[in-house]
C-alpha atoms as a PDB file:
ATOM      1  CA  MET A   1     131.925  68.229 115.528  1.00  0.00           C
ATOM      2  CA  THR A   2     133.394  71.235 117.373  1.00  0.00           C
ATOM      3  CA  SER A   3     136.406  71.211 119.671  1.00  0.00           C
ATOM      4  CA  ASN A   4     136.425  72.321 123.287  1.00  0.00           C
ATOM      5  CA  GLY A   5     138.044  75.558 122.249  1.00  0.00           C
ATOM      6  CA  GLU A   6     135.231  76.283 119.785  1.00  0.00           C
ATOM      7  CA  ASN A   7     132.257  75.483 121.978  1.00  0.00           C
ATOM      8  CA  GLY A   8     133.639  77.274 125.035  1.00  0.00           C
ATOM      9  CA  THR A   9     133.918  74.238 127.329  1.00  0.00           C
ATOM     10  CA  GLY A  10     137.676  74.298 127.532  1.00  0.00           C
ATOM     11  CA  ALA A  11     140.642  76.636 127.214  1.00  0.00           C
ATOM     12  CA  ALA A  12     142.401  75.973 123.907  1.00  0.00           C
ATOM     13  CA  PRO A  13     146.087  76.826 123.740  1.00  0.00           C
ATOM     14  CA  GLY A  14     145.638  78.764 120.515  1.00  0.00           C
ATOM     15  CA  ARG A  15     143.407  81.458 121.939  1.00  0.00           C
ATOM     16  CA  SER A  16     144.436  84.995 120.999  1.00  0.00           C
ATOM     17  CA  ALA A  17     145.067  87.842 123.406  1.00  0.00           C
ATOM     18  CA  THR A  18     141.837  89.430 122.189  1.00  0.00           C
ATOM     19  CA  TYR A  19     139.883  86.382 123.357  1.00  0.00           C
ATOM     20  CA  TRP A  20     141.338  86.553 126.860  1.00  0.00           C
ATOM     21  CA  ILE A  21     140.654  90.291 127.081  1.00  0.00           C
ATOM     22  CA  GLN A  22     137.052  89.718 125.998  1.00  0.00           C
ATOM     23  CA  SER A  23     136.657  86.889 128.525  1.00  0.00           C
ATOM     24  CA  ALA A  24     138.017  89.059 131.354  1.00  0.00           C
ATOM     25  CA  PHE A  25     135.721  91.894 130.253  1.00  0.00           C
ATOM     26  CA  VAL A  26     132.684  89.600 130.396  1.00  0.00           C
ATOM     27  CA  ARG A  27     133.563  88.250 133.854  1.00  0.00           C
ATOM     28  CA  LEU A  28     134.945  91.372 135.551  1.00  0.00           C
ATOM     29  CA  GLY A  29     133.514  94.331 133.653  1.00  0.00           C
ATOM     30  CA  VAL A  30     135.333  97.549 132.773  1.00  0.00           C
ATOM     31  CA  LEU A  31     136.624  98.451 136.264  1.00  0.00           C
ATOM     32  CA  PRO A  32     139.900  96.437 136.317  1.00  0.00           C
ATOM     33  CA  PHE A  33     140.913  97.911 132.957  1.00  0.00           C
ATOM     34  CA  LEU A  34     140.143 101.453 134.140  1.00  0.00           C
ATOM     35  CA  LEU A  35     142.104 100.880 137.348  1.00  0.00           C
ATOM     36  CA  LEU A  36     145.122  99.655 135.415  1.00  0.00           C
ATOM     37  CA  ILE A  37     144.999 102.574 132.995  1.00  0.00           C
ATOM     38  CA  ALA A  38     144.618 105.093 135.847  1.00  0.00           C
ATOM     39  CA  VAL A  39     147.582 103.682 137.788  1.00  0.00           C
ATOM     40  CA  VAL A  40     149.850 103.681 134.724  1.00  0.00           C
ATOM     41  CA  VAL A  41     148.857 107.190 133.581  1.00  0.00           C
ATOM     42  CA  PHE A  42     149.128 108.891 136.963  1.00  0.00           C
ATOM     43  CA  THR A  43     152.365 107.100 137.830  1.00  0.00           C
ATOM     44  CA  PHE A  44     153.941 108.721 134.766  1.00  0.00           C
ATOM     45  CA  MET A  45     152.361 112.101 135.584  1.00  0.00           C
ATOM     46  CA  SER A  46     153.532 112.256 139.221  1.00  0.00           C
ATOM     47  CA  ASP A  47     156.389 110.633 141.129  1.00  0.00           C
ATOM     48  CA  ASN A  48     154.401 110.846 144.377  1.00  0.00           C
ATOM     49  CA  PHE A  49     151.387 108.913 143.123  1.00  0.00           C
ATOM     50  CA  LEU A  50     152.453 105.368 144.057  1.00  0.00           C
ATOM     51  CA  THR A  51     153.973 106.228 147.433  1.00  0.00           C
ATOM     52  CA  GLY A  52     152.524 104.447 150.457  1.00  0.00           C
ATOM     53  CA  ARG A  53     151.596 107.723 152.109  1.00  0.00           C
ATOM     54  CA  ASN A  54     149.632 108.909 149.080  1.00  0.00           C
ATOM     55  CA  LEU A  55     147.819 105.596 148.616  1.00  0.00           C
ATOM     56  CA  LEU A  56     146.767 105.634 152.285  1.00  0.00           C
ATOM     57  CA  ASN A  57     145.502 109.172 151.740  1.00  0.00           C
ATOM     58  CA  VAL A  58     143.511 107.967 148.698  1.00  0.00           C
ATOM     59  CA  VAL A  59     141.847 105.241 150.762  1.00  0.00           C
ATOM     60  CA  ARG A  60     141.074 107.639 153.613  1.00  0.00           C
ATOM     61  CA  GLN A  61     139.616 110.277 151.292  1.00  0.00           C
ATOM     62  CA  SER A  62     137.581 107.605 149.472  1.00  0.00           C
ATOM     63  CA  THR A  63     135.835 106.393 152.638  1.00  0.00           C
ATOM     64  CA  TYR A  64     133.073 109.009 152.436  1.00  0.00           C
ATOM     65  CA  LEU A  65     132.235 108.171 148.826  1.00  0.00           C
ATOM     66  CA  THR A  66     132.548 104.440 149.533  1.00  0.00           C
ATOM     67  CA  ILE A  67     129.918 104.561 152.280  1.00  0.00           C
ATOM     68  CA  VAL A  68     127.510 106.626 150.173  1.00  0.00           C
ATOM     69  CA  SER A  69     128.069 104.394 147.129  1.00  0.00           C
ATOM     70  CA  MET A  70     127.248 101.248 149.093  1.00  0.00           C
ATOM     71  CA  GLY A  71     123.952 102.845 150.082  1.00  0.00           C
ATOM     72  CA  GLN A  72     123.345 103.994 146.509  1.00  0.00           C
ATOM     73  CA  MET A  73     123.835 100.394 145.399  1.00  0.00           C
ATOM     74  CA  PHE A  74     120.694  99.301 147.279  1.00  0.00           C
ATOM     75  CA  ALA A  75     118.589 101.845 145.428  1.00  0.00           C
ATOM     76  CA  LEU A  76     120.136 100.793 142.107  1.00  0.00           C
ATOM     77  CA  LEU A  77     119.596  97.102 142.856  1.00  0.00           C
ATOM     78  CA  THR A  78     115.870  97.727 143.075  1.00  0.00           C
ATOM     79  CA  GLY A  79     115.823  99.533 139.738  1.00  0.00           C
ATOM     80  CA  GLY A  80     115.954 103.109 141.050  1.00  0.00           C
ATOM     81  CA  PHE A  81     118.530 105.592 142.331  1.00  0.00           C
ATOM     82  CA  ASP A  82     118.797 108.342 144.937  1.00  0.00           C
ATOM     83  CA  LEU A  83     119.665 111.896 143.867  1.00  0.00           C
ATOM     84  CA  SER A  84     119.275 113.217 147.410  1.00  0.00           C
ATOM     85  CA  VAL A  85     122.420 111.632 148.905  1.00  0.00           C
ATOM     86  CA  GLY A  86     124.330 114.932 148.645  1.00  0.00           C
ATOM     87  CA  THR A  87     121.563 116.754 150.485  1.00  0.00           C
ATOM     88  CA  ILE A  88     121.536 114.027 153.133  1.00  0.00           C
ATOM     89  CA  LEU A  89     125.227 114.682 153.773  1.00  0.00           C
ATOM     90  CA  ALA A  90     124.562 118.409 154.126  1.00  0.00           C
ATOM     91  CA  LEU A  91     121.505 118.048 156.367  1.00  0.00           C
ATOM     92  CA  THR A  92     123.258 115.462 158.542  1.00  0.00           C
ATOM     93  CA  SER A  93     126.237 117.775 158.910  1.00  0.00           C
ATOM     94  CA  VAL A  94     124.143 120.809 159.837  1.00  0.00           C
ATOM     95  CA  VAL A  95     121.756 119.031 162.232  1.00  0.00           C
ATOM     96  CA  GLY A  96     124.513 116.980 163.853  1.00  0.00           C
ATOM     97  CA  ALA A  97     126.816 119.966 164.325  1.00  0.00           C
ATOM     98  CA  THR A  98     124.009 122.190 165.637  1.00  0.00           C
ATOM     99  CA  ALA A  99     122.828 119.580 168.141  1.00  0.00           C
ATOM    100  CA  MET A 100     126.385 118.770 169.221  1.00  0.00           C
ATOM    101  CA  ALA A 101     127.374 122.426 169.640  1.00  0.00           C
ATOM    102  CA  GLY A 102     124.203 123.169 171.602  1.00  0.00           C
ATOM    103  CA  ALA A 103     124.688 120.170 173.889  1.00  0.00           C
ATOM    104  CA  HIS A 104     128.347 121.051 174.430  1.00  0.00           C
ATOM    105  CA  ALA A 105     127.457 124.637 175.323  1.00  0.00           C
ATOM    106  CA  ALA A 106     124.838 123.433 177.824  1.00  0.00           C
ATOM    107  CA  MET A 107     126.982 120.595 179.238  1.00  0.00           C
ATOM    108  CA  PRO A 108     130.647 121.527 178.720  1.00  0.00           C
ATOM    109  CA  ASP A 109     131.845 118.731 181.006  1.00  0.00           C
ATOM    110  CA  ALA A 110     129.823 115.988 179.302  1.00  0.00           C
ATOM    111  CA  VAL A 111     131.855 115.830 176.088  1.00  0.00           C
ATOM    112  CA  GLY A 112     131.019 112.206 175.288  1.00  0.00           C
ATOM    113  CA  LEU A 113     127.300 112.780 175.751  1.00  0.00           C
ATOM    114  CA  SER A 114     127.404 115.898 173.558  1.00  0.00           C
ATOM    115  CA  ILE A 115     129.130 113.975 170.784  1.00  0.00           C
ATOM    116  CA  LEU A 116     126.619 111.128 171.073  1.00  0.00           C
ATOM    117  CA  ILE A 117     123.676 113.549 170.908  1.00  0.00           C
ATOM    118  CA  GLY A 118     125.099 115.187 167.792  1.00  0.00           C
ATOM    119  CA  ILE A 119     125.796 111.871 166.040  1.00  0.00           C
ATOM    120  CA  VAL A 120     122.332 110.479 166.803  1.00  0.00           C
ATOM    121  CA  ALA A 121     120.591 113.708 165.749  1.00  0.00           C
ATOM    122  CA  GLY A 122     122.567 113.952 162.516  1.00  0.00           C
ATOM    123  CA  ILE A 123     122.066 110.331 161.481  1.00  0.00           C
ATOM    124  CA  ALA A 124     118.364 110.523 162.384  1.00  0.00           C
ATOM    125  CA  ALA A 125     117.900 113.631 160.218  1.00  0.00           C
ATOM    126  CA  GLY A 126     119.687 112.094 157.252  1.00  0.00           C
ATOM    127  CA  THR A 127     117.896 108.778 157.566  1.00  0.00           C
ATOM    128  CA  ALA A 128     114.565 110.643 157.717  1.00  0.00           C
ATOM    129  CA  ILE A 129     115.179 111.790 154.122  1.00  0.00           C
ATOM    130  CA  GLY A 130     115.642 108.137 153.164  1.00  0.00           C
ATOM    131  CA  VAL A 131     112.424 107.221 154.966  1.00  0.00           C
ATOM    132  CA  VAL A 132     110.451 109.841 153.048  1.00  0.00           C
ATOM    133  CA  ASN A 133     112.044 108.711 149.774  1.00  0.00           C
ATOM    134  CA  GLY A 134     111.135 105.115 150.594  1.00  0.00           C
ATOM    135  CA  ILE A 135     107.521 105.989 151.365  1.00  0.00           C
ATOM    136  CA  GLY A 136     107.160 108.005 148.178  1.00  0.00           C
ATOM    137  CA  VAL A 137     108.635 105.287 145.954  1.00  0.00           C
ATOM    138  CA  SER A 138     107.136 102.208 147.596  1.00  0.00           C
ATOM    139  CA  VAL A 139     103.725 103.431 148.777  1.00  0.00           C
ATOM    140  CA  PHE A 140     102.784 106.219 146.371  1.00  0.00           C
ATOM    141  CA  ASN A 141     104.682 104.834 143.344  1.00  0.00           C
ATOM    142  CA  VAL A 142     106.479 108.120 142.699  1.00  0.00           C
ATOM    143  CA  SER A 143     109.398 107.642 140.323  1.00  0.00           C
ATOM    144  CA  PRO A 144     112.750 107.517 142.164  1.00  0.00           C
ATOM    145  CA  PHE A 145     114.030 110.355 139.980  1.00  0.00           C
ATOM    146  CA  MET A 146     111.260 112.802 140.924  1.00  0.00           C
ATOM    147  CA  MET A 147     111.050 111.679 144.555  1.00  0.00           C
ATOM    148  CA  SER A 148     114.733 111.954 145.343  1.00  0.00           C
ATOM    149  CA  LEU A 149     115.121 115.149 143.291  1.00  0.00           C
ATOM    150  CA  GLY A 150     112.279 116.776 145.229  1.00  0.00           C
ATOM    151  CA  MET A 151     113.712 115.660 148.580  1.00  0.00           C
ATOM    152  CA  ALA A 152     117.129 116.950 147.532  1.00  0.00           C
ATOM    153  CA  SER A 153     115.633 120.407 147.095  1.00  0.00           C
ATOM    154  CA  ILE A 154     113.674 120.213 150.367  1.00  0.00           C
ATOM    155  CA  GLY A 155     116.614 118.981 152.422  1.00  0.00           C
ATOM    156  CA  PHE A 156     119.004 121.535 150.963  1.00  0.00           C
ATOM    157  CA  GLY A 157     116.539 124.317 151.700  1.00  0.00           C
ATOM    158  CA  ILE A 158     116.187 123.154 155.313  1.00  0.00           C
ATOM    159  CA  ALA A 159     119.972 123.030 155.746  1.00  0.00           C
ATOM    160  CA  LEU A 160     120.389 126.549 154.361  1.00  0.00           C
ATOM    161  CA  TYR A 161     117.495 127.849 156.480  1.00  0.00           C
ATOM    162  CA  MET A 162     119.051 126.438 159.642  1.00  0.00           C
ATOM    163  CA  THR A 163     122.451 127.981 158.979  1.00  0.00           C
ATOM    164  CA  GLY A 164     121.827 130.947 156.713  1.00  0.00           C
ATOM    165  CA  GLY A 165     124.709 129.597 154.656  1.00  0.00           C
ATOM    166  CA  VAL A 166     127.142 130.085 157.560  1.00  0.00           C
ATOM    167  CA  PRO A 167     129.197 127.108 158.833  1.00  0.00           C
ATOM    168  CA  VAL A 168     128.260 125.736 162.259  1.00  0.00           C
ATOM    169  CA  TYR A 169     131.045 125.851 164.857  1.00  0.00           C
ATOM    170  CA  GLY A 170     131.245 125.031 168.555  1.00  0.00           C
ATOM    171  CA  MET A 171     131.592 121.245 168.460  1.00  0.00           C
ATOM    172  CA  PRO A 172     133.935 119.565 170.953  1.00  0.00           C
ATOM    173  CA  MET A 173     137.503 119.227 169.694  1.00  0.00           C
ATOM    174  CA  GLU A 174     137.403 115.560 170.671  1.00  0.00           C
ATOM    175  CA  PHE A 175     134.834 114.887 167.947  1.00  0.00           C
ATOM    176  CA  GLY A 176     137.225 115.826 165.164  1.00  0.00           C
ATOM    177  CA  ASP A 177     140.212 114.330 166.958  1.00  0.00           C
ATOM    178  CA  VAL A 178     138.525 110.910 167.178  1.00  0.00           C
ATOM    179  CA  PHE A 179     136.244 110.600 164.144  1.00  0.00           C
ATOM    180  CA  GLY A 180     138.049 112.881 161.728  1.00  0.00           C
ATOM    181  CA  PHE A 181     141.761 112.499 162.411  1.00  0.00           C
ATOM    182  CA  GLY A 182     141.979 109.716 165.007  1.00  0.00           C
ATOM    183  CA  SER A 183     143.135 106.133 164.555  1.00  0.00           C
ATOM    184  CA  VAL A 184     142.673 102.756 166.239  1.00  0.00           C
ATOM    185  CA  PHE A 185     145.669 100.399 166.199  1.00  0.00           C
ATOM    186  CA  GLY A 186     147.187 102.619 163.528  1.00  0.00           C
ATOM    187  CA  ILE A 187     144.092 102.456 161.294  1.00  0.00           C
ATOM    188  CA  PRO A 188     142.422 105.854 160.662  1.00  0.00           C
ATOM    189  CA  THR A 189     138.966 105.940 162.232  1.00  0.00           C
ATOM    190  CA  PRO A 190     137.084 106.706 158.967  1.00  0.00           C
ATOM    191  CA  ILE A 191     138.729 103.680 157.317  1.00  0.00           C
ATOM    192  CA  LEU A 192     137.899 101.455 160.303  1.00  0.00           C
ATOM    193  CA  VAL A 193     134.240 102.543 160.282  1.00  0.00           C
ATOM    194  CA  THR A 194     134.079 101.948 156.526  1.00  0.00           C
ATOM    195  CA  VAL A 195     135.573  98.457 156.816  1.00  0.00           C
ATOM    196  CA  ILE A 196     133.008  97.545 159.484  1.00  0.00           C
ATOM    197  CA  LEU A 197     130.169  98.806 157.276  1.00  0.00           C
ATOM    198  CA  ILE A 198     131.544  96.871 154.296  1.00  0.00           C
ATOM    199  CA  MET A 199     131.517  93.636 156.285  1.00  0.00           C
ATOM    200  CA  VAL A 200     128.003  94.248 157.627  1.00  0.00           C
ATOM    201  CA  LEU A 201     126.540  95.124 154.226  1.00  0.00           C
ATOM    202  CA  TYR A 202     128.375  92.259 152.523  1.00  0.00           C
ATOM    203  CA  PHE A 203     126.705  89.904 154.994  1.00  0.00           C
ATOM    204  CA  VAL A 204     123.291  91.507 154.430  1.00  0.00           C
ATOM    205  CA  VAL A 205     123.547  91.322 150.638  1.00  0.00           C
ATOM    206  CA  ASN A 206     125.022  87.838 150.332  1.00  0.00           C
ATOM    207  CA  TRP A 207     123.800  85.898 153.367  1.00  0.00           C
ATOM    208  CA  THR A 208     120.342  87.192 154.271  1.00  0.00           C
ATOM    209  CA  ARG A 209     116.894  86.809 152.783  1.00  0.00           C
ATOM    210  CA  LEU A 210     116.562  90.595 152.541  1.00  0.00           C
ATOM    211  CA  GLY A 211     119.662  90.747 150.336  1.00  0.00           C
ATOM    212  CA  ARG A 212     118.142  88.238 147.927  1.00  0.00           C
ATOM    213  CA  TYR A 213     114.927  90.256 147.918  1.00  0.00           C
ATOM    214  CA  PHE A 214     116.761  93.366 146.669  1.00  0.00           C
ATOM    215  CA  TYR A 215     118.065  91.430 143.668  1.00  0.00           C
ATOM    216  CA  ALA A 216     114.685  89.825 143.032  1.00  0.00           C
ATOM    217  CA  VAL A 217     112.781  93.120 143.092  1.00  0.00           C
ATOM    218  CA  GLY A 218     115.300  94.767 140.793  1.00  0.00           C
ATOM    219  CA  GLY A 219     115.380  91.807 138.416  1.00  0.00           C
ATOM    220  CA  ASN A 220     111.603  91.501 137.988  1.00  0.00           C
ATOM    221  CA  ILE A 221     109.309  93.212 140.463  1.00  0.00           C
ATOM    222  CA  LYS A 222     106.168  91.450 139.179  1.00  0.00           C
ATOM    223  CA  ALA A 223     107.749  88.014 139.508  1.00  0.00           C
ATOM    224  CA  ALA A 224     109.045  88.952 142.963  1.00  0.00           C
ATOM    225  CA  ARG A 225     105.546  89.990 144.044  1.00  0.00           C
ATOM    226  CA  LEU A 226     104.033  86.758 142.708  1.00  0.00           C
ATOM    227  CA  SER A 227     106.646  84.719 144.592  1.00  0.00           C
ATOM    228  CA  GLY A 228     105.483  86.198 147.888  1.00  0.00           C
ATOM    229  CA  ILE A 229     108.070  88.936 148.424  1.00  0.00           C
ATOM    230  CA  ASN A 230     106.816  92.111 150.075  1.00  0.00           C
ATOM    231  CA  THR A 231     108.068  94.374 147.306  1.00  0.00           C
ATOM    232  CA  ARG A 232     106.883  97.588 148.937  1.00  0.00           C
ATOM    233  CA  LEU A 233     108.777  96.865 152.140  1.00  0.00           C
ATOM    234  CA  THR A 234     111.874  95.902 150.139  1.00  0.00           C
ATOM    235  CA  LEU A 235     111.794  99.142 148.153  1.00  0.00           C
ATOM    236  CA  PHE A 236     111.230 101.117 151.338  1.00  0.00           C
ATOM    237  CA  LEU A 237     114.188  99.513 153.111  1.00  0.00           C
ATOM    238  CA  ALA A 238     116.452 100.109 150.097  1.00  0.00           C
ATOM    239  CA  TYR A 239     115.983 103.879 150.367  1.00  0.00           C
ATOM    240  CA  VAL A 240     116.184 103.862 154.155  1.00  0.00           C
ATOM    241  CA  LEU A 241     119.526 102.051 153.953  1.00  0.00           C
ATOM    242  CA  CYS A 242     120.693 104.468 151.293  1.00  0.00           C
ATOM    243  CA  GLY A 243     119.781 107.422 153.507  1.00  0.00           C
ATOM    244  CA  ALA A 244     121.397 105.886 156.589  1.00  0.00           C
ATOM    245  CA  MET A 245     124.683 105.229 154.759  1.00  0.00           C
ATOM    246  CA  ALA A 246     124.789 108.792 153.443  1.00  0.00           C
ATOM    247  CA  ALA A 247     124.049 110.074 156.965  1.00  0.00           C
ATOM    248  CA  ILE A 248     126.935 108.094 158.471  1.00  0.00           C
ATOM    249  CA  SER A 249     129.219 109.468 155.777  1.00  0.00           C
ATOM    250  CA  GLY A 250     127.957 112.965 156.586  1.00  0.00           C
ATOM    251  CA  ILE A 251     128.888 112.564 160.257  1.00  0.00           C
ATOM    252  CA  LEU A 252     132.407 111.379 159.395  1.00  0.00           C
ATOM    253  CA  LEU A 253     132.868 114.207 156.892  1.00  0.00           C
ATOM    254  CA  THR A 254     131.676 116.737 159.468  1.00  0.00           C
ATOM    255  CA  ALA A 255     134.301 115.439 161.885  1.00  0.00           C
ATOM    256  CA  ARG A 256     136.927 115.804 159.165  1.00  0.00           C
ATOM    257  CA  LEU A 257     135.897 119.397 158.376  1.00  0.00           C
ATOM    258  CA  ASP A 258     135.316 120.223 162.074  1.00  0.00           C
ATOM    259  CA  THR A 259     132.297 122.324 161.037  1.00  0.00           C
ATOM    260  CA  GLY A 260     128.712 121.775 159.999  1.00  0.00           C
ATOM    261  CA  GLU A 261     128.386 122.711 156.319  1.00  0.00           C
ATOM    262  CA  ALA A 262     125.215 123.135 154.237  1.00  0.00           C
ATOM    263  CA  ASN A 263     127.190 123.131 150.992  1.00  0.00           C
ATOM    264  CA  ILE A 264     128.970 119.768 151.180  1.00  0.00           C
ATOM    265  CA  GLY A 265     128.044 116.777 149.057  1.00  0.00           C
ATOM    266  CA  ALA A 266     127.066 118.620 145.875  1.00  0.00           C
ATOM    267  CA  ASN A 267     128.896 116.123 143.655  1.00  0.00           C
ATOM    268  CA  MET A 268     127.990 113.056 145.700  1.00  0.00           C
ATOM    269  CA  PRO A 269     124.944 111.936 143.631  1.00  0.00           C
ATOM    270  CA  LEU A 270     126.993 111.892 140.406  1.00  0.00           C
ATOM    271  CA  GLU A 271     130.057 110.319 142.017  1.00  0.00           C
ATOM    272  CA  SER A 272     128.134 107.629 143.926  1.00  0.00           C
ATOM    273  CA  ILE A 273     126.157 106.569 140.850  1.00  0.00           C
ATOM    274  CA  ALA A 274     129.362 106.641 138.799  1.00  0.00           C
ATOM    275  CA  ALA A 275     131.162 104.462 141.364  1.00  0.00           C
ATOM    276  CA  CYS A 276     128.337 101.911 141.224  1.00  0.00           C
ATOM    277  CA  VAL A 277     127.975 101.867 137.440  1.00  0.00           C
ATOM    278  CA  ILE A 278     131.736 101.658 136.889  1.00  0.00           C
ATOM    279  CA  ALA A 279     131.692  98.720 139.323  1.00  0.00           C
ATOM    280  CA  GLY A 280     129.130  96.864 137.213  1.00  0.00           C
ATOM    281  CA  VAL A 281     125.910  97.712 139.072  1.00  0.00           C
ATOM    282  CA  SER A 282     123.177  97.726 136.441  1.00  0.00           C
ATOM    283  CA  LEU A 283     120.974 100.798 136.042  1.00  0.00           C
ATOM    284  CA  ARG A 284     118.155  98.375 135.225  1.00  0.00           C
ATOM    285  CA  GLY A 285     118.388  96.760 138.655  1.00  0.00           C
ATOM    286  CA  GLY A 286     119.128  93.282 139.944  1.00  0.00           C
ATOM    287  CA  VAL A 287     122.903  93.261 139.310  1.00  0.00           C
ATOM    288  CA  GLY A 288     125.727  94.427 141.578  1.00  0.00           C
ATOM    289  CA  ARG A 289     128.245  93.427 144.234  1.00  0.00           C
ATOM    290  CA  ILE A 290     129.362  95.286 147.351  1.00  0.00           C
ATOM    291  CA  GLU A 291     133.061  94.524 146.894  1.00  0.00           C
ATOM    292  CA  ASN A 292     133.001  95.871 143.331  1.00  0.00           C
ATOM    293  CA  VAL A 293     131.296  99.063 144.473  1.00  0.00           C
ATOM    294  CA  VAL A 294     134.048  99.585 147.062  1.00  0.00           C
ATOM    295  CA  LEU A 295     136.636  99.271 144.287  1.00  0.00           C
ATOM    296  CA  GLY A 296     134.617 101.654 142.129  1.00  0.00           C
ATOM    297  CA  ALA A 297     134.609 104.314 144.840  1.00  0.00           C
ATOM    298  CA  ILE A 298     138.343 103.857 145.431  1.00  0.00           C
ATOM    299  CA  PHE A 299     138.908 104.156 141.675  1.00  0.00           C
ATOM    300  CA  ILE A 300     137.153 107.529 141.582  1.00  0.00           C
ATOM    301  CA  GLY A 301     139.168 108.645 144.608  1.00  0.00           C
ATOM    302  CA  LEU A 302     142.309 107.447 142.840  1.00  0.00           C
ATOM    303  CA  VAL A 303     141.446 109.430 139.704  1.00  0.00           C
ATOM    304  CA  GLN A 304     140.691 112.588 141.713  1.00  0.00           C
ATOM    305  CA  ASN A 305     143.913 112.229 143.677  1.00  0.00           C
ATOM    306  CA  GLY A 306     145.923 111.659 140.505  1.00  0.00           C
ATOM    307  CA  MET A 307     144.397 114.715 138.847  1.00  0.00           C
ATOM    308  CA  ASN A 308     145.175 116.815 141.927  1.00  0.00           C
ATOM    309  CA  LEU A 309     148.804 115.687 141.858  1.00  0.00           C
ATOM    310  CA  ALA A 310     148.911 116.440 138.139  1.00  0.00           C
ATOM    311  CA  ARG A 311     147.479 119.913 138.935  1.00  0.00           C
ATOM    312  CA  ILE A 312     144.410 119.490 136.775  1.00  0.00           C
ATOM    313  CA  GLU A 313     141.773 122.128 137.546  1.00  0.00           C
ATOM    314  CA  SER A 314     138.791 121.066 139.658  1.00  0.00           C
ATOM    315  CA  TYR A 315     136.342 122.067 136.928  1.00  0.00           C
ATOM    316  CA  LEU A 316     137.977 119.675 134.498  1.00  0.00           C
ATOM    317  CA  GLN A 317     137.899 116.933 137.131  1.00  0.00           C
ATOM    318  CA  THR A 318     134.088 117.087 137.081  1.00  0.00           C
ATOM    319  CA  VAL A 319     134.238 116.667 133.302  1.00  0.00           C
ATOM    320  CA  VAL A 320     136.411 113.574 133.705  1.00  0.00           C
ATOM    321  CA  ILE A 321     134.057 111.980 136.265  1.00  0.00           C
ATOM    322  CA  GLY A 322     131.071 112.590 133.991  1.00  0.00           C
ATOM    323  CA  ALA A 323     132.950 111.122 131.025  1.00  0.00           C
ATOM    324  CA  LEU A 324     133.869 108.039 133.083  1.00  0.00           C
ATOM    325  CA  LEU A 325     130.195 107.557 133.975  1.00  0.00           C
ATOM    326  CA  ILE A 326     129.164 107.672 130.308  1.00  0.00           C
ATOM    327  CA  LEU A 327     132.025 105.347 129.374  1.00  0.00           C
ATOM    328  CA  ALA A 328     130.994 102.871 132.061  1.00  0.00           C
ATOM    329  CA  VAL A 329     127.355 102.853 130.910  1.00  0.00           C
ATOM    330  CA  VAL A 330     128.400 102.326 127.275  1.00  0.00           C
ATOM    331  CA  ALA A 331     130.808  99.551 128.300  1.00  0.00           C
ATOM    332  CA  ASP A 332     128.110  97.906 130.420  1.00  0.00           C
ATOM    333  CA  GLN A 333     125.672  97.945 127.498  1.00  0.00           C
ATOM    334  CA  PHE A 334     128.315  96.465 125.212  1.00  0.00           C
ATOM    335  CA  ARG A 335     129.090  93.804 127.798  1.00  0.00           C
ATOM    336  CA  LEU A 336     125.425  92.799 128.140  1.00  0.00           C
ATOM    337  CA  ARG A 337     125.047  92.658 124.377  1.00  0.00           C
ATOM    338  CA  TYR A 338     128.182  90.527 124.072  1.00  0.00           C
ATOM    339  CA  ILE A 339     126.920  88.105 126.741  1.00  0.00           C
ATOM    340  CA  ALA A 340     123.553  87.874 124.984  1.00  0.00           C
ATOM    341  CA  ASN A 341     125.285  87.059 121.696  1.00  0.00           C
ATOM    342  CA  LEU A 342     127.312  84.313 123.386  1.00  0.00           C
ATOM    343  CA  GLN A 343     124.147  82.790 124.841  1.00  0.00           C
ATOM    344  CA  ASP A 344     122.472  82.833 121.411  1.00  0.00           C
END
């Protein structure tokens, strides 16, 4: 007859530290351990790392990746991913800035209307990429890799054609003052927008039927179809949401840069997937949580900020992000294998 400590039904006082680490790893994944290591390492490397001002800067700079990563999570939940999120940022920036600058030149006194026209045009252009991705994946059964890679090339080409590689200027100063550098009740506007989106998406994922459908389709699309779920519509909406989130991030980033840029967002596909995978979102679909993805995006922002303070070259920073992605995938596979062994 086994004791509670041996069969796992109770917490025996004689458990080793290794047991508790393994238990935390099974429940929480690799992210908390990476966060702890990053904080300790960068605190030793720079005296400015743990200051309140720097941490607020980390959160503010992480908002753009956080929004994109939450959208990327929907594609990953359904068993796919979106490689066009960087292009969506660029196209949103170019279209939004061009429309806003044109409206401001035609109606210099209607600043609010010009800003609204630019925001709507930019988000519509970015979301259109998500719509096309959704149609290709859900209707024509094109693999997410090929579909989003093709749309990334198309969108980037359109952005470069519209600008000739030259930044777009002429937007109202109020746009950057409010959405790039402004604050509401002391909270920077990008952070406030991100918090609102987090709450909305958390509700969608955890409290709506559509949220449960994303998990069901990613877990087993055949079983989901047999249970009456419209799997094509669910896949379509996943990529539309992904495109819309990237478009919103593109508008906020444009306000921060105060120009429309065709070359922004190049690293966003890698970083958004890395943020999700580090946060425990499964590449096989059906597993993931919004709050963990937010922490994953902040972690990447924290690592980038720490490396900047430590004066590590930008090229090496890309190496570190790629290594973290591989480490997270390996850790996730080990975690799944460990859970399977426990169940056996």
